[in-house]
Amino acid sequence: MKRSWWLIPCLIVVLALGAVGCTGIPIWEETGESSQGVASLPQQRNTGIWVTGQGEAMAVPDIAELRFGVEAEAGTVAKAQAQAKEAMGKVVQVLEDNGVAEKDIQTQRFNIYPVTRWIERKNEEEIVGYRVANMIIARIREIEKAGAVIDALIEAAGDFVRVQGISFSVDDPTPYYEEARAKAVEDARDKASQLAELAGVTLGKPTYISEGAVYRPEPTRAFAEVGAAPSPETPIIPGELKITLNVQIAYAIA
């Protein structure tokens, strides 16, 4: 009697497995092919014709972003800080005099660090002074005044000025995005139509549309440490910005 109890759980397991095999779940043979239920497998999502379209629009910049600041070096932190503070005060005054609003001036970084030199006889570094750097970004909305502003900054702060670079942007890029988007969709449609024709099928309606990130190439920047202001006015040429937008579209096959 005791041995017969061991048979009951085994029987239940066998019956349970048999029930699962009858539920319509495909039973795979050693060949890797299903003996039944293939039609119940989910259809692949990536059906139809998938294409990526790209559109471009050229924008005329109306904002110049100037990255610059002041840097001072002295034997003590207090002296270096005082020199940097005075130079930055002159810089801010120049910006205000040229109509740059306070909201368009932003501190990028502020650093105080020691200046060292290597002492050969001691085989170690020695602090010989301190350097204070205060760098900002100024957005000049009257872009035609950018060259004059740079000259005025150099004249006001002299050898303390450090110009890191200049870049350009558009205050309202929406119309350029719309233009690039329309061209991207048209490009995607043309590609899909050609693929359908080459494959001998009829192009259906879009079933999926996704817009990629807007890409604006970073304008070339000039880096320099400047002293006395050049004459005549420093030429600043904004050129154009290329705005690129991508779309991915899936078309059904009719």
Protein backbone atom coordinates (compact mmCIF):
# COMPACT_ATOMS: atom_id res chain seq x y z
CA MET A 1 0.00 0.00 0.00
CA LYS A 2 2.79 2.42 0.78
CA ARG A 3 4.34 2.00 -2.69
CA SER A 4 1.02 2.78 -4.44
CA TRP A 5 1.05 6.33 -2.97
CA TRP A 6 4.25 7.12 -4.94
CA LEU A 7 2.45 6.39 -8.23
CA ILE A 8 -0.31 8.97 -7.72
CA PRO A 9 1.90 12.16 -7.96
CA CYS A 10 3.64 10.75 -11.00
CA LEU A 11 0.32 10.07 -12.66
CA ILE A 12 -0.85 13.62 -11.97
CA VAL A 13 2.30 15.09 -13.49
CA VAL A 14 1.92 12.98 -16.61
CA LEU A 15 -1.73 13.96 -16.98
CA ALA A 16 -0.87 17.65 -16.49
CA LEU A 17 1.80 17.55 -19.18
CA GLY A 18 -0.60 15.81 -21.49
CA ALA A 19 -3.16 18.57 -20.94
CA VAL A 20 -0.63 21.24 -21.80
CA GLY A 21 0.22 19.47 -25.01
CA CYS A 22 -3.43 19.71 -26.09
CA THR A 23 -3.90 23.43 -25.54
CA GLY A 24 -2.77 24.49 -29.02
CA ILE A 25 0.74 25.56 -27.96
CA PRO A 26 3.08 24.45 -30.79
CA ILE A 27 5.02 21.29 -29.95
CA TRP A 28 8.48 21.48 -31.48
CA GLU A 29 10.15 18.37 -32.81
CA GLU A 30 13.90 17.75 -32.94
CA THR A 31 14.01 19.22 -36.44
CA GLY A 32 13.11 22.66 -35.03
CA GLU A 33 9.87 22.80 -37.07
CA SER A 34 6.47 22.87 -35.39
CA SER A 35 4.06 20.03 -36.01
CA GLN A 36 1.04 22.26 -35.46
CA GLY A 37 -0.01 25.78 -34.42
CA VAL A 38 2.30 27.74 -36.77
CA ALA A 39 -0.55 30.08 -37.73
CA SER A 40 -0.97 31.08 -34.06
CA LEU A 41 2.53 32.59 -33.86
CA PRO A 42 2.44 36.42 -33.67
CA GLN A 43 3.04 38.18 -36.97
CA GLN A 44 6.24 40.16 -37.19
CA ARG A 45 5.82 43.85 -36.46
CA ASN A 46 8.26 45.09 -39.08
CA THR A 47 6.11 44.54 -42.12
CA GLY A 48 5.68 46.76 -45.15
CA ILE A 49 8.22 49.22 -46.50
CA TRP A 50 10.35 51.11 -43.98
CA VAL A 51 12.28 54.18 -45.08
CA THR A 52 14.15 57.11 -43.55
CA GLY A 53 13.73 60.56 -45.07
CA GLN A 54 16.00 63.55 -44.53
CA GLY A 55 15.23 67.22 -44.98
CA GLU A 56 17.43 70.30 -44.73
CA ALA A 57 16.78 74.00 -44.30
CA MET A 58 19.27 76.87 -44.35
CA ALA A 59 18.83 79.45 -41.61
CA VAL A 60 20.30 82.94 -41.41
CA PRO A 61 21.61 83.45 -37.83
CA ASP A 62 20.27 86.40 -35.86
CA ILE A 63 22.13 85.76 -32.58
CA ALA A 64 25.87 85.71 -31.96
CA GLU A 65 26.97 83.81 -28.85
CA LEU A 66 30.32 85.08 -27.64
CA ARG A 67 32.30 82.95 -25.17
CA PHE A 68 34.88 85.02 -23.40
CA GLY A 69 35.97 86.33 -20.04
CA VAL A 70 38.90 87.58 -18.00
CA GLU A 71 41.91 85.93 -16.44
CA ALA A 72 44.28 87.43 -13.88
CA GLU A 73 47.40 86.08 -12.21
CA ALA A 74 49.10 87.41 -9.06
CA GLY A 75 51.12 86.33 -6.06
CA THR A 76 48.05 85.99 -3.84
CA VAL A 77 44.47 84.93 -4.38
CA ALA A 78 43.18 88.28 -3.10
CA LYS A 79 45.24 90.29 -5.60
CA ALA A 80 44.37 88.04 -8.55
CA GLN A 81 40.71 88.15 -7.58
CA ALA A 82 40.75 91.95 -7.35
CA GLN A 83 42.29 92.28 -10.81
CA ALA A 84 39.78 89.82 -12.33
CA LYS A 85 36.87 91.56 -10.62
CA GLU A 86 37.88 94.96 -11.96
CA ALA A 87 38.38 93.62 -15.49
CA MET A 88 35.04 91.79 -15.45
CA GLY A 89 33.28 94.93 -14.26
CA LYS A 90 34.57 96.75 -17.35
CA VAL A 91 33.48 93.86 -19.57
CA VAL A 92 29.93 93.87 -18.20
CA GLN A 93 29.74 97.63 -18.61
CA VAL A 94 30.70 97.32 -22.29
CA LEU A 95 27.97 94.73 -22.82
CA GLU A 96 25.36 96.92 -21.15
CA ASP A 97 26.46 99.97 -23.15
CA ASN A 98 25.95 97.96 -26.33
CA GLY A 99 22.41 96.93 -25.44
CA VAL A 100 23.10 93.36 -24.25
CA ALA A 101 20.37 92.50 -21.74
CA GLU A 102 21.17 90.98 -18.34
CA LYS A 103 19.24 87.81 -19.25
CA ASP A 104 21.62 87.30 -22.18
CA ILE A 105 24.73 87.23 -19.98
CA GLN A 106 25.52 83.95 -18.23
CA THR A 107 28.52 82.79 -16.21
CA GLN A 108 30.04 79.72 -17.83
CA ARG A 109 32.76 78.96 -15.29
CA PHE A 110 34.70 80.55 -12.45
CA ASN A 111 38.05 79.11 -11.35
CA ILE A 112 40.76 79.89 -8.82
CA TYR A 113 43.80 77.65 -8.96
CA PRO A 114 47.47 77.84 -8.01
CA VAL A 115 50.29 78.48 -10.48
CA THR A 116 53.26 76.20 -9.84
CA ARG A 117 56.78 75.68 -11.09
CA TRP A 118 59.12 72.74 -10.74
CA ILE A 119 62.06 73.18 -8.35
CA GLU A 120 64.80 70.88 -9.58
CA ARG A 121 66.97 70.98 -6.45
CA LYS A 122 63.99 70.11 -4.25
CA ASN A 123 62.50 67.70 -6.79
CA GLU A 124 59.05 69.12 -6.13
CA GLU A 125 56.54 71.71 -7.31
CA GLU A 126 56.31 75.11 -5.67
CA ILE A 127 53.36 77.50 -5.72
CA VAL A 128 54.44 80.81 -7.24
CA GLY A 129 51.07 82.51 -7.58
CA TYR A 130 47.37 82.15 -8.23
CA ARG A 131 45.21 82.51 -11.32
CA VAL A 132 41.57 83.61 -11.34
CA ALA A 133 39.44 83.00 -14.45
CA ASN A 134 35.87 84.20 -14.92
CA MET A 135 34.31 83.10 -18.23
CA ILE A 136 30.85 84.05 -19.52
CA ILE A 137 28.55 83.64 -22.51
CA ALA A 138 26.99 86.78 -23.98
CA ARG A 139 24.20 86.57 -26.54
CA ILE A 140 24.42 89.53 -28.90
CA ARG A 141 21.04 89.90 -30.60
CA GLU A 142 22.13 92.82 -32.79
CA ILE A 143 24.42 90.50 -34.68
CA GLU A 144 25.86 93.25 -36.86
CA LYS A 145 27.38 94.80 -33.72
CA ALA A 146 29.34 91.65 -32.76
CA GLY A 147 32.65 92.90 -34.16
CA ALA A 148 32.35 96.29 -32.49
CA VAL A 149 31.46 94.64 -29.17
CA ILE A 150 34.54 92.42 -29.31
CA ASP A 151 36.77 95.41 -30.03
CA ALA A 152 35.24 97.37 -27.14
CA LEU A 153 35.74 94.43 -24.75
CA ILE A 154 39.41 94.15 -25.68
CA GLU A 155 39.94 97.87 -25.31
CA ALA A 156 38.23 97.94 -21.90
CA ALA A 157 39.87 94.92 -20.26
CA GLY A 158 43.15 94.78 -22.21
CA ASP A 159 45.47 91.87 -21.50
CA PHE A 160 43.02 90.34 -19.03
CA VAL A 161 40.57 89.41 -21.82
CA ARG A 162 40.34 85.82 -23.05
CA VAL A 163 38.17 85.11 -26.10
CA GLN A 164 37.30 81.40 -26.37
CA GLY A 165 35.10 81.52 -29.43
CA ILE A 166 31.94 82.67 -31.15
CA SER A 167 28.98 80.70 -32.49
CA PHE A 168 25.67 81.59 -34.07
CA SER A 169 22.05 80.57 -33.58
CA VAL A 170 18.50 81.46 -34.55
CA ASP A 171 16.08 83.00 -32.06
CA ASP A 172 13.01 81.29 -33.58
CA PRO A 173 13.98 78.14 -35.52
CA THR A 174 10.38 76.87 -35.89
CA PRO A 175 9.91 77.90 -39.57
CA TYR A 176 13.18 76.16 -40.48
CA TYR A 177 12.15 72.99 -38.65
CA GLU A 178 8.85 72.99 -40.53
CA GLU A 179 10.63 73.38 -43.86
CA ALA A 180 13.10 70.60 -43.07
CA ARG A 181 10.26 68.32 -41.84
CA ALA A 182 8.26 68.75 -45.04
CA LYS A 183 11.31 67.91 -47.14
CA ALA A 184 12.06 64.86 -44.98
CA VAL A 185 8.55 63.44 -45.42
CA GLU A 186 8.72 64.05 -49.18
CA ASP A 187 12.10 62.34 -49.33
CA ALA A 188 10.73 59.32 -47.43
CA ARG A 189 7.73 59.07 -49.77
CA ASP A 190 9.96 59.18 -52.86
CA LYS A 191 12.18 56.41 -51.50
CA ALA A 192 9.23 54.22 -50.57
CA SER A 193 7.63 54.72 -53.99
CA GLN A 194 10.83 53.68 -55.74
CA LEU A 195 11.22 50.60 -53.55
CA ALA A 196 7.61 49.57 -54.20
CA GLU A 197 8.08 49.99 -57.96
CA LEU A 198 11.31 47.98 -57.95
CA ALA A 199 9.68 45.22 -55.90
CA GLY A 200 6.57 45.13 -58.08
CA VAL A 201 4.14 45.97 -55.28
CA THR A 202 1.66 48.77 -54.62
CA LEU A 203 2.53 51.32 -51.96
CA GLY A 204 -0.12 51.70 -49.27
CA LYS A 205 -0.73 54.27 -46.54
CA PRO A 206 1.76 55.08 -43.77
CA THR A 207 1.35 52.87 -40.71
CA TYR A 208 4.13 54.35 -38.59
CA ILE A 209 5.84 57.76 -38.49
CA SER A 210 8.67 58.82 -36.20
CA GLU A 211 10.68 62.04 -36.20
CA GLY A 212 14.34 61.92 -35.34
CA ALA A 213 16.33 64.50 -33.43
CA VAL A 214 16.99 67.82 -35.09
CA TYR A 215 20.63 68.16 -36.06
CA ARG A 216 22.34 71.51 -36.28
CA PRO A 217 26.06 71.34 -37.04
CA GLU A 218 28.11 73.38 -34.61
CA PRO A 219 29.45 76.45 -36.39
CA THR A 220 33.20 76.84 -36.65
CA ARG A 221 34.66 78.69 -33.68
CA ALA A 222 37.79 80.77 -33.52
CA PHE A 223 39.93 80.53 -30.38
CA ALA A 224 42.32 83.26 -29.35
CA GLU A 225 43.93 85.10 -26.50
CA VAL A 226 43.97 88.73 -27.48
CA GLY A 227 45.64 91.90 -26.35
CA ALA A 228 45.26 95.29 -28.01
CA ALA A 229 42.20 95.75 -30.25
CA PRO A 230 42.88 95.52 -33.97
CA SER A 231 41.90 98.28 -36.36
CA PRO A 232 39.63 98.53 -38.27
CA GLU A 233 36.66 96.76 -36.65
CA THR A 234 37.02 93.01 -36.23
CA PRO A 235 35.03 91.35 -39.06
CA ILE A 236 32.41 88.84 -37.89
CA ILE A 237 30.67 86.85 -40.65
CA PRO A 238 27.68 84.74 -39.47
CA GLY A 239 27.09 82.86 -42.73
CA GLU A 240 24.26 80.29 -42.62
CA LEU A 241 23.22 77.39 -40.42
CA LYS A 242 22.12 74.04 -41.82
CA ILE A 243 19.22 72.46 -39.94
CA THR A 244 18.74 68.75 -40.67
CA LEU A 245 15.72 66.66 -39.62
CA ASN A 246 15.08 62.94 -40.12
CA VAL A 247 11.80 61.00 -40.22
CA GLN A 248 11.20 57.26 -40.30
CA ILE A 249 8.02 56.09 -42.00
CA ALA A 250 6.57 52.61 -42.51
CA TYR A 251 4.24 52.15 -45.50
CA ALA A 252 1.83 49.27 -45.89
CA ILE A 253 1.96 47.15 -49.03
CA ALA A 254 -1.48 47.37 -50.65
